[in-house]
Amino acid sequence: MVEVYYYIPKEEVENAVECGLKLSEYFDKEIIIENTKMKCISALLNPKDDIEKYKSESLRCVKLELPSEYCFVADRYLYEIGLNHSEVMELYFDSIMPIANYTFGLYRLPECLVTSTVIGEHISLLNKRLDSPVLFDNSEELYINNVIENLKEDYPNINDVMLYYFYCNLEKQGKLERIEDEGNKAVVFLDKKAGKTFIAKKPDICF
């Protein structure tokens, strides 16, 4: 069994827990999976992957416990962009895999495509304070951390590169002042309003 998360209007929670979520009523996508067109309910691997819904007063997050054979993972960002770009939609279809094959952090915004009705006994209301802890804050954070760790293998100074260009961007916005000394890799960035000084190194590689 796998555990995924789904948001429903708060007035529907009691009925969902008692009667379940019928695929025919709650599906929001029809996707070709394993050469078969299937109706799917788009759930989340982490309740905070949609932070607006997580904070919503009108919605409630429920946990769905499901057999893994009815769950597939895809990259939702590819789907959203693919609505206007057919070549990206093809990438979305290529991203679909059984949830058992998915590695956390692989997709920036993973969605779980649930291909079956969910019976009431496998649905419970998420208690944000007391419920079972989630292993990471949200999928995007995990994805970014994984990308940076992988980049470190080819670019050991990636942290310095990101810091330098971040400060340069703040300088362009007028939030920092930059002081450079020719021949010295260290660059001083001043935040005069806050009275703070930041040091970054000019990277040997440029992006």
N, C-alpha and C. Protein backbone atom coordinates (compact mmCIF):
# COMPACT_ATOMS: atom_id res chain seq x y z
N MET A 1 0.84 -1.19 0.00
CA MET A 1 0.00 0.00 0.00
C MET A 1 0.88 1.25 0.00
N VAL A 2 0.43 2.27 -0.70
CA VAL A 2 1.13 3.54 -0.71
C VAL A 2 0.21 4.62 -0.15
N GLU A 3 0.79 5.70 0.34
CA GLU A 3 0.02 6.79 0.94
C GLU A 3 0.22 8.05 0.11
N VAL A 4 -0.88 8.60 -0.40
CA VAL A 4 -0.82 9.85 -1.15
C VAL A 4 -1.87 10.80 -0.59
N TYR A 5 -1.87 12.04 -1.09
CA TYR A 5 -2.70 13.08 -0.48
C TYR A 5 -3.56 13.75 -1.55
N TYR A 6 -4.77 14.15 -1.11
CA TYR A 6 -5.72 14.73 -2.05
C TYR A 6 -6.56 15.78 -1.32
N TYR A 7 -6.84 16.89 -1.99
CA TYR A 7 -7.62 17.97 -1.39
C TYR A 7 -9.05 17.95 -1.91
N ILE A 8 -9.98 18.06 -0.98
CA ILE A 8 -11.40 18.13 -1.34
C ILE A 8 -12.07 19.24 -0.53
N PRO A 9 -13.19 19.78 -1.01
CA PRO A 9 -13.92 20.79 -0.22
C PRO A 9 -14.27 20.21 1.15
N LYS A 10 -14.16 21.05 2.18
CA LYS A 10 -14.33 20.55 3.55
C LYS A 10 -15.70 19.94 3.79
N GLU A 11 -16.71 20.42 3.06
CA GLU A 11 -18.06 19.89 3.25
C GLU A 11 -18.21 18.48 2.65
N GLU A 12 -17.23 18.02 1.87
CA GLU A 12 -17.30 16.70 1.27
C GLU A 12 -16.51 15.65 2.03
N VAL A 13 -15.77 16.07 3.06
CA VAL A 13 -14.88 15.15 3.76
C VAL A 13 -15.64 14.00 4.41
N GLU A 14 -16.70 14.30 5.13
CA GLU A 14 -17.44 13.26 5.84
C GLU A 14 -17.97 12.21 4.85
N ASN A 15 -18.51 12.68 3.74
CA ASN A 15 -19.04 11.75 2.75
C ASN A 15 -17.92 10.92 2.12
N ALA A 16 -16.76 11.55 1.89
CA ALA A 16 -15.64 10.83 1.29
C ALA A 16 -15.14 9.71 2.20
N VAL A 17 -15.04 10.02 3.50
CA VAL A 17 -14.57 9.02 4.45
C VAL A 17 -15.56 7.86 4.58
N GLU A 18 -16.83 8.17 4.44
CA GLU A 18 -17.85 7.12 4.56
C GLU A 18 -18.05 6.34 3.26
N CYS A 19 -18.06 7.06 2.15
CA CYS A 19 -18.45 6.44 0.87
C CYS A 19 -17.31 6.30 -0.13
N GLY A 20 -16.20 6.98 0.11
CA GLY A 20 -15.08 6.88 -0.81
C GLY A 20 -15.12 7.94 -1.89
N LEU A 21 -14.15 7.86 -2.78
CA LEU A 21 -14.05 8.77 -3.92
C LEU A 21 -14.20 7.95 -5.20
N LYS A 22 -15.30 8.14 -5.89
CA LYS A 22 -15.55 7.40 -7.12
C LYS A 22 -14.71 7.99 -8.25
N LEU A 23 -13.99 7.14 -8.93
CA LEU A 23 -13.14 7.59 -10.03
C LEU A 23 -13.96 8.34 -11.09
N SER A 24 -15.15 7.86 -11.37
CA SER A 24 -15.99 8.47 -12.40
C SER A 24 -16.40 9.89 -12.05
N GLU A 25 -16.41 10.24 -10.75
CA GLU A 25 -16.82 11.57 -10.32
C GLU A 25 -15.63 12.50 -10.07
N TYR A 26 -14.51 11.96 -9.59
CA TYR A 26 -13.41 12.80 -9.16
C TYR A 26 -12.23 12.84 -10.13
N PHE A 27 -12.27 12.07 -11.22
CA PHE A 27 -11.13 12.09 -12.13
C PHE A 27 -10.97 13.49 -12.74
N ASP A 28 -9.72 13.90 -12.95
CA ASP A 28 -9.46 15.20 -13.57
C ASP A 28 -8.56 15.09 -14.79
N LYS A 29 -8.14 13.88 -15.12
CA LYS A 29 -7.34 13.66 -16.32
C LYS A 29 -7.71 12.33 -16.95
N GLU A 30 -7.59 12.26 -18.26
CA GLU A 30 -7.64 10.99 -18.99
C GLU A 30 -6.31 10.85 -19.70
N ILE A 31 -5.53 9.89 -19.26
CA ILE A 31 -4.15 9.74 -19.71
C ILE A 31 -3.93 8.34 -20.27
N ILE A 32 -3.11 8.25 -21.31
CA ILE A 32 -2.74 6.94 -21.83
C ILE A 32 -1.60 6.40 -20.98
N ILE A 33 -1.87 5.33 -20.27
CA ILE A 33 -0.89 4.68 -19.41
C ILE A 33 -0.77 3.23 -19.83
N GLU A 34 0.44 2.81 -20.13
CA GLU A 34 0.68 1.43 -20.57
C GLU A 34 -0.26 1.06 -21.72
N ASN A 35 -0.34 1.98 -22.69
CA ASN A 35 -1.13 1.80 -23.92
C ASN A 35 -2.63 1.74 -23.70
N THR A 36 -3.09 2.16 -22.54
CA THR A 36 -4.52 2.16 -22.25
C THR A 36 -4.94 3.54 -21.77
N LYS A 37 -6.03 4.07 -22.32
CA LYS A 37 -6.54 5.35 -21.87
C LYS A 37 -7.26 5.17 -20.55
N MET A 38 -6.81 5.90 -19.53
CA MET A 38 -7.36 5.73 -18.18
C MET A 38 -7.80 7.06 -17.59
N LYS A 39 -8.89 7.03 -16.84
CA LYS A 39 -9.28 8.17 -16.02
C LYS A 39 -8.39 8.18 -14.78
N CYS A 40 -7.98 9.36 -14.36
CA CYS A 40 -7.05 9.47 -13.23
C CYS A 40 -7.46 10.59 -12.27
N ILE A 41 -7.29 10.31 -10.99
CA ILE A 41 -7.38 11.34 -9.96
C ILE A 41 -5.96 11.80 -9.66
N SER A 42 -5.69 13.09 -9.78
CA SER A 42 -4.34 13.61 -9.56
C SER A 42 -4.13 13.92 -8.08
N ALA A 43 -3.37 13.09 -7.42
CA ALA A 43 -3.07 13.27 -6.00
C ALA A 43 -1.62 13.73 -5.84
N LEU A 44 -1.20 13.94 -4.61
CA LEU A 44 0.14 14.44 -4.32
C LEU A 44 0.92 13.45 -3.47
N LEU A 45 2.24 13.49 -3.58
CA LEU A 45 3.09 12.65 -2.74
C LEU A 45 3.39 13.32 -1.41
N ASN A 46 3.16 14.63 -1.35
CA ASN A 46 3.41 15.40 -0.14
C ASN A 46 2.31 16.45 -0.03
N PRO A 47 1.64 16.57 1.10
CA PRO A 47 0.53 17.54 1.20
C PRO A 47 0.95 18.98 0.96
N LYS A 48 2.24 19.31 1.18
CA LYS A 48 2.72 20.68 0.99
C LYS A 48 3.15 20.96 -0.45
N ASP A 49 2.99 19.99 -1.34
CA ASP A 49 3.34 20.24 -2.73
C ASP A 49 2.38 21.22 -3.39
N ASP A 50 1.23 21.43 -2.80
CA ASP A 50 0.32 22.51 -3.23
C ASP A 50 0.04 23.35 -1.98
N ILE A 51 0.93 24.30 -1.74
CA ILE A 51 0.88 25.03 -0.47
C ILE A 51 -0.36 25.91 -0.36
N GLU A 52 -0.89 26.38 -1.49
CA GLU A 52 -2.11 27.19 -1.44
C GLU A 52 -3.28 26.35 -0.94
N LYS A 53 -3.39 25.14 -1.41
CA LYS A 53 -4.46 24.26 -0.94
C LYS A 53 -4.21 23.85 0.51
N TYR A 54 -2.95 23.67 0.86
CA TYR A 54 -2.59 23.28 2.22
C TYR A 54 -3.04 24.33 3.23
N LYS A 55 -2.96 25.61 2.83
CA LYS A 55 -3.34 26.71 3.72
C LYS A 55 -4.81 27.11 3.58
N SER A 56 -5.50 26.55 2.61
CA SER A 56 -6.87 26.96 2.33
C SER A 56 -7.82 26.64 3.48
N GLU A 57 -8.73 27.55 3.72
CA GLU A 57 -9.76 27.33 4.74
C GLU A 57 -10.93 26.52 4.19
N SER A 58 -11.08 26.50 2.87
CA SER A 58 -12.23 25.84 2.27
C SER A 58 -11.95 24.40 1.84
N LEU A 59 -10.67 24.00 1.88
CA LEU A 59 -10.30 22.65 1.47
C LEU A 59 -9.72 21.87 2.65
N ARG A 60 -9.81 20.56 2.56
CA ARG A 60 -9.20 19.68 3.55
C ARG A 60 -8.38 18.63 2.83
N CYS A 61 -7.28 18.26 3.43
CA CYS A 61 -6.39 17.24 2.85
C CYS A 61 -6.74 15.88 3.44
N VAL A 62 -6.94 14.92 2.56
CA VAL A 62 -7.19 13.55 3.02
C VAL A 62 -6.06 12.65 2.54
N LYS A 63 -5.78 11.65 3.33
CA LYS A 63 -4.79 10.64 2.96
C LYS A 63 -5.51 9.48 2.27
N LEU A 64 -4.92 9.03 1.21
CA LEU A 64 -5.45 7.88 0.49
C LEU A 64 -4.44 6.75 0.59
N GLU A 65 -4.88 5.60 1.09
CA GLU A 65 -4.02 4.42 1.15
C GLU A 65 -4.45 3.47 0.05
N LEU A 66 -3.51 3.21 -0.87
CA LEU A 66 -3.87 2.51 -2.10
C LEU A 66 -2.88 1.41 -2.45
N PRO A 67 -3.34 0.37 -3.12
CA PRO A 67 -2.40 -0.62 -3.67
C PRO A 67 -1.54 0.06 -4.73
N SER A 68 -0.27 -0.24 -4.74
CA SER A 68 0.66 0.46 -5.63
C SER A 68 0.33 0.25 -7.10
N GLU A 69 -0.33 -0.85 -7.45
CA GLU A 69 -0.60 -1.11 -8.87
C GLU A 69 -1.59 -0.12 -9.48
N TYR A 70 -2.28 0.65 -8.63
CA TYR A 70 -3.22 1.65 -9.14
C TYR A 70 -2.65 3.06 -9.11
N CYS A 71 -1.36 3.17 -8.86
CA CYS A 71 -0.74 4.49 -8.71
C CYS A 71 0.45 4.65 -9.66
N PHE A 72 0.45 5.75 -10.39
CA PHE A 72 1.54 6.09 -11.29
C PHE A 72 1.99 7.52 -10.98
N VAL A 73 3.27 7.78 -11.18
CA VAL A 73 3.82 9.11 -10.91
C VAL A 73 4.24 9.77 -12.21
N ALA A 74 3.94 11.06 -12.34
CA ALA A 74 4.34 11.84 -13.51
C ALA A 74 4.76 13.23 -13.04
N ASP A 75 5.39 13.99 -13.93
CA ASP A 75 5.85 15.34 -13.60
C ASP A 75 4.77 16.35 -13.99
N ARG A 76 4.09 16.93 -13.00
CA ARG A 76 2.96 17.82 -13.27
C ARG A 76 3.38 19.07 -14.02
N TYR A 77 4.59 19.58 -13.77
CA TYR A 77 5.03 20.77 -14.49
C TYR A 77 5.07 20.51 -16.00
N LEU A 78 5.49 19.31 -16.39
CA LEU A 78 5.51 18.98 -17.81
C LEU A 78 4.10 18.99 -18.38
N TYR A 79 3.14 18.53 -17.59
CA TYR A 79 1.75 18.53 -18.06
C TYR A 79 1.25 19.95 -18.25
N GLU A 80 1.50 20.82 -17.28
CA GLU A 80 1.00 22.19 -17.34
C GLU A 80 1.59 22.94 -18.53
N ILE A 81 2.90 22.78 -18.76
CA ILE A 81 3.53 23.43 -19.91
C ILE A 81 3.11 22.75 -21.20
N GLY A 82 2.91 21.43 -21.13
CA GLY A 82 2.54 20.66 -22.31
C GLY A 82 1.16 20.99 -22.86
N LEU A 83 0.31 21.63 -22.05
CA LEU A 83 -1.00 22.03 -22.55
C LEU A 83 -0.88 23.01 -23.71
N ASN A 84 0.23 23.75 -23.77
CA ASN A 84 0.45 24.70 -24.85
C ASN A 84 1.62 24.32 -25.76
N HIS A 85 2.30 23.23 -25.44
CA HIS A 85 3.45 22.81 -26.23
C HIS A 85 3.42 21.29 -26.37
N SER A 86 3.07 20.82 -27.54
CA SER A 86 2.87 19.37 -27.74
C SER A 86 4.13 18.57 -27.47
N GLU A 87 5.31 19.16 -27.79
CA GLU A 87 6.55 18.39 -27.57
C GLU A 87 6.81 18.17 -26.09
N VAL A 88 6.36 19.12 -25.25
CA VAL A 88 6.51 18.96 -23.80
C VAL A 88 5.48 17.95 -23.28
N MET A 89 4.29 17.93 -23.88
CA MET A 89 3.31 16.94 -23.47
C MET A 89 3.81 15.52 -23.72
N GLU A 90 4.58 15.34 -24.78
CA GLU A 90 5.18 14.03 -25.04
C GLU A 90 6.16 13.67 -23.92
N LEU A 91 6.88 14.67 -23.44
CA LEU A 91 7.79 14.43 -22.32
C LEU A 91 7.01 14.05 -21.06
N TYR A 92 5.83 14.67 -20.91
CA TYR A 92 4.98 14.32 -19.77
C TYR A 92 4.58 12.85 -19.83
N PHE A 93 4.11 12.41 -21.00
CA PHE A 93 3.72 11.00 -21.15
C PHE A 93 4.91 10.08 -20.88
N ASP A 94 6.09 10.50 -21.33
CA ASP A 94 7.29 9.69 -21.10
C ASP A 94 7.66 9.64 -19.63
N SER A 95 7.24 10.66 -18.86
CA SER A 95 7.61 10.71 -17.44
C SER A 95 6.78 9.77 -16.57
N ILE A 96 5.67 9.26 -17.10
CA ILE A 96 4.77 8.42 -16.30
C ILE A 96 5.43 7.08 -15.98
N MET A 97 5.40 6.72 -14.72
CA MET A 97 5.97 5.44 -14.30
C MET A 97 5.18 4.89 -13.11
N PRO A 98 5.23 3.58 -12.89
CA PRO A 98 4.60 3.02 -11.68
C PRO A 98 5.21 3.64 -10.44
N ILE A 99 4.40 3.88 -9.44
CA ILE A 99 4.91 4.54 -8.24
C ILE A 99 6.02 3.74 -7.57
N ALA A 100 5.99 2.43 -7.75
CA ALA A 100 7.04 1.58 -7.17
C ALA A 100 8.41 1.87 -7.78
N ASN A 101 8.44 2.44 -8.98
CA ASN A 101 9.71 2.75 -9.66
C ASN A 101 10.19 4.17 -9.40
N TYR A 102 9.35 4.97 -8.73
CA TYR A 102 9.69 6.39 -8.56
C TYR A 102 10.65 6.59 -7.39
N THR A 103 11.65 7.45 -7.60
CA THR A 103 12.59 7.84 -6.55
C THR A 103 12.27 9.27 -6.13
N PHE A 104 12.06 9.50 -4.85
CA PHE A 104 11.74 10.83 -4.36
C PHE A 104 12.82 11.83 -4.76
N GLY A 105 12.39 12.97 -5.28
CA GLY A 105 13.32 14.00 -5.72
C GLY A 105 13.59 13.96 -7.21
N LEU A 106 13.07 12.95 -7.91
CA LEU A 106 13.31 12.83 -9.35
C LEU A 106 12.59 13.92 -10.13
N TYR A 107 11.34 14.23 -9.75
CA TYR A 107 10.55 15.26 -10.42
C TYR A 107 10.37 16.46 -9.52
N ARG A 108 10.34 17.64 -10.13
CA ARG A 108 10.18 18.86 -9.34
C ARG A 108 8.79 18.95 -8.72
N LEU A 109 7.76 18.56 -9.47
CA LEU A 109 6.41 18.56 -8.92
C LEU A 109 5.73 17.25 -9.32
N PRO A 110 5.99 16.19 -8.59
CA PRO A 110 5.38 14.90 -8.92
C PRO A 110 3.90 14.87 -8.58
N GLU A 111 3.14 14.23 -9.43
CA GLU A 111 1.74 13.97 -9.13
C GLU A 111 1.52 12.47 -9.20
N CYS A 112 0.63 12.00 -8.34
CA CYS A 112 0.29 10.58 -8.35
C CYS A 112 -1.02 10.42 -9.12
N LEU A 113 -0.98 9.67 -10.19
CA LEU A 113 -2.17 9.40 -11.00
C LEU A 113 -2.84 8.15 -10.45
N VAL A 114 -3.95 8.35 -9.77
CA VAL A 114 -4.69 7.25 -9.16
C VAL A 114 -5.72 6.76 -10.17
N THR A 115 -5.65 5.48 -10.51
CA THR A 115 -6.46 4.95 -11.60
C THR A 115 -7.63 4.08 -11.13
N SER A 116 -8.01 4.23 -9.88
CA SER A 116 -9.12 3.43 -9.37
C SER A 116 -9.95 4.24 -8.39
N THR A 117 -11.17 3.79 -8.15
CA THR A 117 -11.99 4.35 -7.08
C THR A 117 -11.32 4.07 -5.75
N VAL A 118 -11.45 5.00 -4.81
CA VAL A 118 -10.85 4.81 -3.48
C VAL A 118 -11.99 4.60 -2.49
N ILE A 119 -12.00 3.45 -1.84
CA ILE A 119 -13.08 3.16 -0.89
C ILE A 119 -12.87 3.92 0.41
N GLY A 120 -13.97 4.18 1.12
CA GLY A 120 -13.94 5.01 2.32
C GLY A 120 -12.98 4.54 3.39
N GLU A 121 -12.83 3.25 3.55
CA GLU A 121 -11.97 2.75 4.62
C GLU A 121 -10.49 3.03 4.36
N HIS A 122 -10.17 3.45 3.14
CA HIS A 122 -8.79 3.79 2.80
C HIS A 122 -8.59 5.30 2.71
N ILE A 123 -9.53 6.06 3.27
CA ILE A 123 -9.46 7.52 3.27
C ILE A 123 -9.53 8.02 4.71
N SER A 124 -8.64 8.94 5.06
CA SER A 124 -8.67 9.54 6.39
C SER A 124 -8.26 11.00 6.30
N LEU A 125 -8.78 11.80 7.20
CA LEU A 125 -8.46 13.23 7.22
C LEU A 125 -7.06 13.43 7.77
N LEU A 126 -6.26 14.22 7.08
CA LEU A 126 -4.90 14.50 7.53
C LEU A 126 -4.92 15.44 8.72
N ASN A 127 -4.27 15.04 9.80
CA ASN A 127 -4.07 15.90 10.95
C ASN A 127 -2.69 16.52 10.81
N LYS A 128 -2.62 17.81 10.51
CA LYS A 128 -1.34 18.46 10.20
C LYS A 128 -0.36 18.43 11.37
N ARG A 129 -0.86 18.36 12.59
CA ARG A 129 0.03 18.39 13.74
C ARG A 129 0.40 17.00 14.25
N LEU A 130 -0.56 16.10 14.26
CA LEU A 130 -0.35 14.83 14.93
C LEU A 130 -0.14 13.65 13.99
N ASP A 131 -0.39 13.85 12.70
CA ASP A 131 -0.35 12.72 11.78
C ASP A 131 1.07 12.26 11.53
N SER A 132 1.18 11.14 10.82
CA SER A 132 2.49 10.58 10.52
C SER A 132 3.35 11.59 9.79
N PRO A 133 4.61 11.76 10.21
CA PRO A 133 5.46 12.79 9.61
C PRO A 133 5.83 12.46 8.17
N VAL A 134 6.01 13.52 7.38
CA VAL A 134 6.46 13.35 6.01
C VAL A 134 7.98 13.49 6.01
N LEU A 135 8.66 12.74 5.17
CA LEU A 135 10.12 12.68 5.21
C LEU A 135 10.81 13.96 4.74
N PHE A 136 10.12 14.79 3.96
CA PHE A 136 10.71 16.02 3.46
C PHE A 136 9.63 17.08 3.40
N ASP A 137 10.05 18.35 3.40
CA ASP A 137 9.10 19.45 3.50
C ASP A 137 8.19 19.52 2.27
N ASN A 138 8.79 19.49 1.09
CA ASN A 138 8.01 19.45 -0.14
C ASN A 138 8.88 18.91 -1.27
N SER A 139 8.25 18.50 -2.34
CA SER A 139 8.97 17.83 -3.44
C SER A 139 9.91 18.78 -4.18
N GLU A 140 9.52 20.04 -4.33
CA GLU A 140 10.38 20.98 -5.05
C GLU A 140 11.70 21.19 -4.32
N GLU A 141 11.62 21.31 -3.00
CA GLU A 141 12.84 21.50 -2.20
C GLU A 141 13.77 20.31 -2.35
N LEU A 142 13.20 19.11 -2.30
CA LEU A 142 14.00 17.90 -2.44
C LEU A 142 14.62 17.81 -3.83
N TYR A 143 13.84 18.17 -4.85
CA TYR A 143 14.33 18.14 -6.23
C TYR A 143 15.51 19.09 -6.41
N ILE A 144 15.37 20.32 -5.92
CA ILE A 144 16.43 21.32 -6.07
C ILE A 144 17.70 20.86 -5.34
N ASN A 145 17.54 20.34 -4.14
CA ASN A 145 18.70 19.85 -3.39
C ASN A 145 19.40 18.72 -4.14
N ASN A 146 18.63 17.83 -4.76
CA ASN A 146 19.21 16.73 -5.52
C ASN A 146 19.96 17.24 -6.74
N VAL A 147 19.37 18.21 -7.45
CA VAL A 147 20.03 18.78 -8.63
C VAL A 147 21.36 19.41 -8.25
N ILE A 148 21.36 20.18 -7.14
CA ILE A 148 22.59 20.84 -6.71
C ILE A 148 23.65 19.82 -6.32
N GLU A 149 23.24 18.78 -5.60
CA GLU A 149 24.20 17.74 -5.21
C GLU A 149 24.80 17.05 -6.43
N ASN A 150 23.98 16.82 -7.45
CA ASN A 150 24.48 16.19 -8.67
C ASN A 150 25.42 17.12 -9.44
N LEU A 151 25.10 18.42 -9.43
CA LEU A 151 25.97 19.38 -10.11
C LEU A 151 27.34 19.49 -9.46
N LYS A 152 27.40 19.25 -8.15
CA LYS A 152 28.66 19.35 -7.43
C LYS A 152 29.70 18.36 -7.95
N GLU A 153 29.22 17.26 -8.55
CA GLU A 153 30.15 16.27 -9.09
C GLU A 153 30.95 16.84 -10.25
N ASP A 154 30.30 17.66 -11.09
CA ASP A 154 30.99 18.27 -12.24
C ASP A 154 31.49 19.67 -11.95
N TYR A 155 30.81 20.36 -11.01
CA TYR A 155 31.18 21.74 -10.67
C TYR A 155 31.31 21.85 -9.14
N PRO A 156 32.49 21.49 -8.60
CA PRO A 156 32.65 21.50 -7.14
C PRO A 156 32.40 22.86 -6.49
N ASN A 157 32.55 23.94 -7.27
CA ASN A 157 32.36 25.28 -6.71
C ASN A 157 30.97 25.84 -7.00
N ILE A 158 29.99 24.98 -7.24
CA ILE A 158 28.65 25.43 -7.63
C ILE A 158 28.03 26.35 -6.57
N ASN A 159 28.31 26.10 -5.31
CA ASN A 159 27.74 26.96 -4.27
C ASN A 159 28.27 28.39 -4.38
N ASP A 160 29.57 28.54 -4.66
CA ASP A 160 30.15 29.87 -4.86
C ASP A 160 29.56 30.54 -6.09
N VAL A 161 29.36 29.76 -7.16
CA VAL A 161 28.78 30.30 -8.39
C VAL A 161 27.37 30.84 -8.14
N MET A 162 26.55 30.04 -7.46
CA MET A 162 25.17 30.46 -7.18
C MET A 162 25.15 31.70 -6.29
N LEU A 163 26.03 31.72 -5.28
CA LEU A 163 26.06 32.86 -4.35
C LEU A 163 26.45 34.14 -5.09
N TYR A 164 27.47 34.04 -5.95
CA TYR A 164 27.94 35.21 -6.68
C TYR A 164 26.83 35.77 -7.57
N TYR A 165 26.18 34.91 -8.36
CA TYR A 165 25.15 35.40 -9.27
C TYR A 165 23.89 35.85 -8.53
N PHE A 166 23.65 35.27 -7.38
CA PHE A 166 22.52 35.74 -6.57
C PHE A 166 22.76 37.17 -6.10
N TYR A 167 23.95 37.42 -5.58
CA TYR A 167 24.28 38.78 -5.13
C TYR A 167 24.31 39.76 -6.31
N CYS A 168 24.79 39.29 -7.47
CA CYS A 168 24.80 40.16 -8.66
C CYS A 168 23.38 40.53 -9.07
N ASN A 169 22.47 39.60 -8.93
CA ASN A 169 21.07 39.88 -9.26
C ASN A 169 20.48 40.91 -8.30
N LEU A 170 20.82 40.79 -7.00
CA LEU A 170 20.36 41.77 -6.03
C LEU A 170 20.95 43.15 -6.32
N GLU A 171 22.19 43.14 -6.82
CA GLU A 171 22.81 44.42 -7.19
C GLU A 171 22.05 45.06 -8.35
N LYS A 172 21.65 44.28 -9.33
CA LYS A 172 20.91 44.81 -10.48
C LYS A 172 19.57 45.41 -10.03
N GLN A 173 19.02 44.84 -8.95
CA GLN A 173 17.75 45.35 -8.42
C GLN A 173 17.95 46.57 -7.53
N GLY A 174 19.20 46.96 -7.33
CA GLY A 174 19.49 48.12 -6.51
C GLY A 174 19.49 47.85 -5.02
N LYS A 175 19.50 46.57 -4.64
CA LYS A 175 19.44 46.22 -3.23
C LYS A 175 20.83 46.11 -2.60
N LEU A 176 21.86 45.90 -3.44
CA LEU A 176 23.24 45.80 -2.94
C LEU A 176 24.14 46.68 -3.78
N GLU A 177 25.28 47.05 -3.22
CA GLU A 177 26.34 47.72 -3.97
C GLU A 177 27.53 46.78 -4.04
N ARG A 178 28.22 46.80 -5.20
CA ARG A 178 29.34 45.87 -5.40
C ARG A 178 30.65 46.63 -5.43
N ILE A 179 31.67 46.08 -4.76
CA ILE A 179 33.03 46.63 -4.78
C ILE A 179 33.98 45.53 -5.20
N GLU A 180 34.67 45.76 -6.30
CA GLU A 180 35.61 44.77 -6.82
C GLU A 180 37.01 45.33 -6.83
N ASP A 181 37.98 44.43 -6.68
CA ASP A 181 39.39 44.81 -6.78
C ASP A 181 40.00 43.95 -7.88
N GLU A 182 40.50 44.61 -8.93
CA GLU A 182 41.05 43.87 -10.06
C GLU A 182 42.17 42.93 -9.62
N GLY A 183 42.07 41.71 -10.08
CA GLY A 183 43.07 40.70 -9.72
C GLY A 183 42.70 39.90 -8.49
N ASN A 184 41.65 40.31 -7.81
CA ASN A 184 41.20 39.58 -6.62
C ASN A 184 39.85 38.92 -6.93
N LYS A 185 39.75 37.64 -6.67
CA LYS A 185 38.50 36.93 -6.96
C LYS A 185 37.39 37.30 -5.99
N ALA A 186 37.74 37.75 -4.80
CA ALA A 186 36.72 38.10 -3.81
C ALA A 186 36.04 39.41 -4.19
N VAL A 187 34.73 39.44 -4.05
CA VAL A 187 33.92 40.62 -4.35
C VAL A 187 33.11 40.97 -3.11
N VAL A 188 33.07 42.25 -2.78
CA VAL A 188 32.32 42.71 -1.62
C VAL A 188 30.96 43.25 -2.08
N PHE A 189 29.92 42.82 -1.42
CA PHE A 189 28.58 43.33 -1.69
C PHE A 189 28.07 43.98 -0.40
N LEU A 190 27.60 45.21 -0.52
CA LEU A 190 27.17 45.98 0.65
C LEU A 190 25.66 46.17 0.65
N ASP A 191 25.07 45.90 1.79
CA ASP A 191 23.67 46.25 2.02
C ASP A 191 23.70 47.41 3.03
N LYS A 192 23.72 48.63 2.51
CA LYS A 192 23.90 49.79 3.38
C LYS A 192 22.70 50.01 4.29
N LYS A 193 21.52 49.68 3.83
CA LYS A 193 20.33 49.88 4.65
C LYS A 193 20.36 48.99 5.89
N ALA A 194 20.78 47.75 5.69
CA ALA A 194 20.81 46.81 6.80
C ALA A 194 22.15 46.82 7.52
N GLY A 195 23.14 47.51 6.93
CA GLY A 195 24.46 47.54 7.54
C GLY A 195 25.16 46.20 7.49
N LYS A 196 24.96 45.46 6.38
CA LYS A 196 25.55 44.13 6.27
C LYS A 196 26.51 44.07 5.08
N THR A 197 27.50 43.20 5.23
CA THR A 197 28.49 42.99 4.18
C THR A 197 28.52 41.51 3.80
N PHE A 198 28.56 41.24 2.50
CA PHE A 198 28.60 39.87 2.00
C PHE A 198 29.81 39.70 1.08
N ILE A 199 30.46 38.58 1.18
CA ILE A 199 31.63 38.29 0.34
C ILE A 199 31.30 37.11 -0.57
N ALA A 200 31.60 37.29 -1.85
CA ALA A 200 31.43 36.20 -2.80
C ALA A 200 32.69 36.14 -3.67
N LYS A 201 32.87 35.01 -4.34
CA LYS A 201 34.02 34.85 -5.24
C LYS A 201 33.53 34.80 -6.67
N LYS A 202 34.25 35.54 -7.54
CA LYS A 202 33.93 35.48 -8.96
C LYS A 202 34.27 34.07 -9.47
N PRO A 203 33.31 33.43 -10.13
CA PRO A 203 33.54 32.06 -10.58
C PRO A 203 34.48 31.99 -11.77
N ASP A 204 35.19 30.86 -11.87
CA ASP A 204 36.05 30.62 -13.03
C ASP A 204 35.23 30.25 -14.25
N ILE A 205 34.00 29.73 -14.01
CA ILE A 205 33.12 29.36 -15.10
C ILE A 205 31.95 30.34 -15.14
N CYS A 206 31.45 30.63 -16.31
CA CYS A 206 30.33 31.55 -16.46
C CYS A 206 29.16 30.82 -17.07
N PHE A 207 27.96 31.25 -16.70
CA PHE A 207 26.74 30.64 -17.21
C PHE A 207 25.97 31.67 -18.01
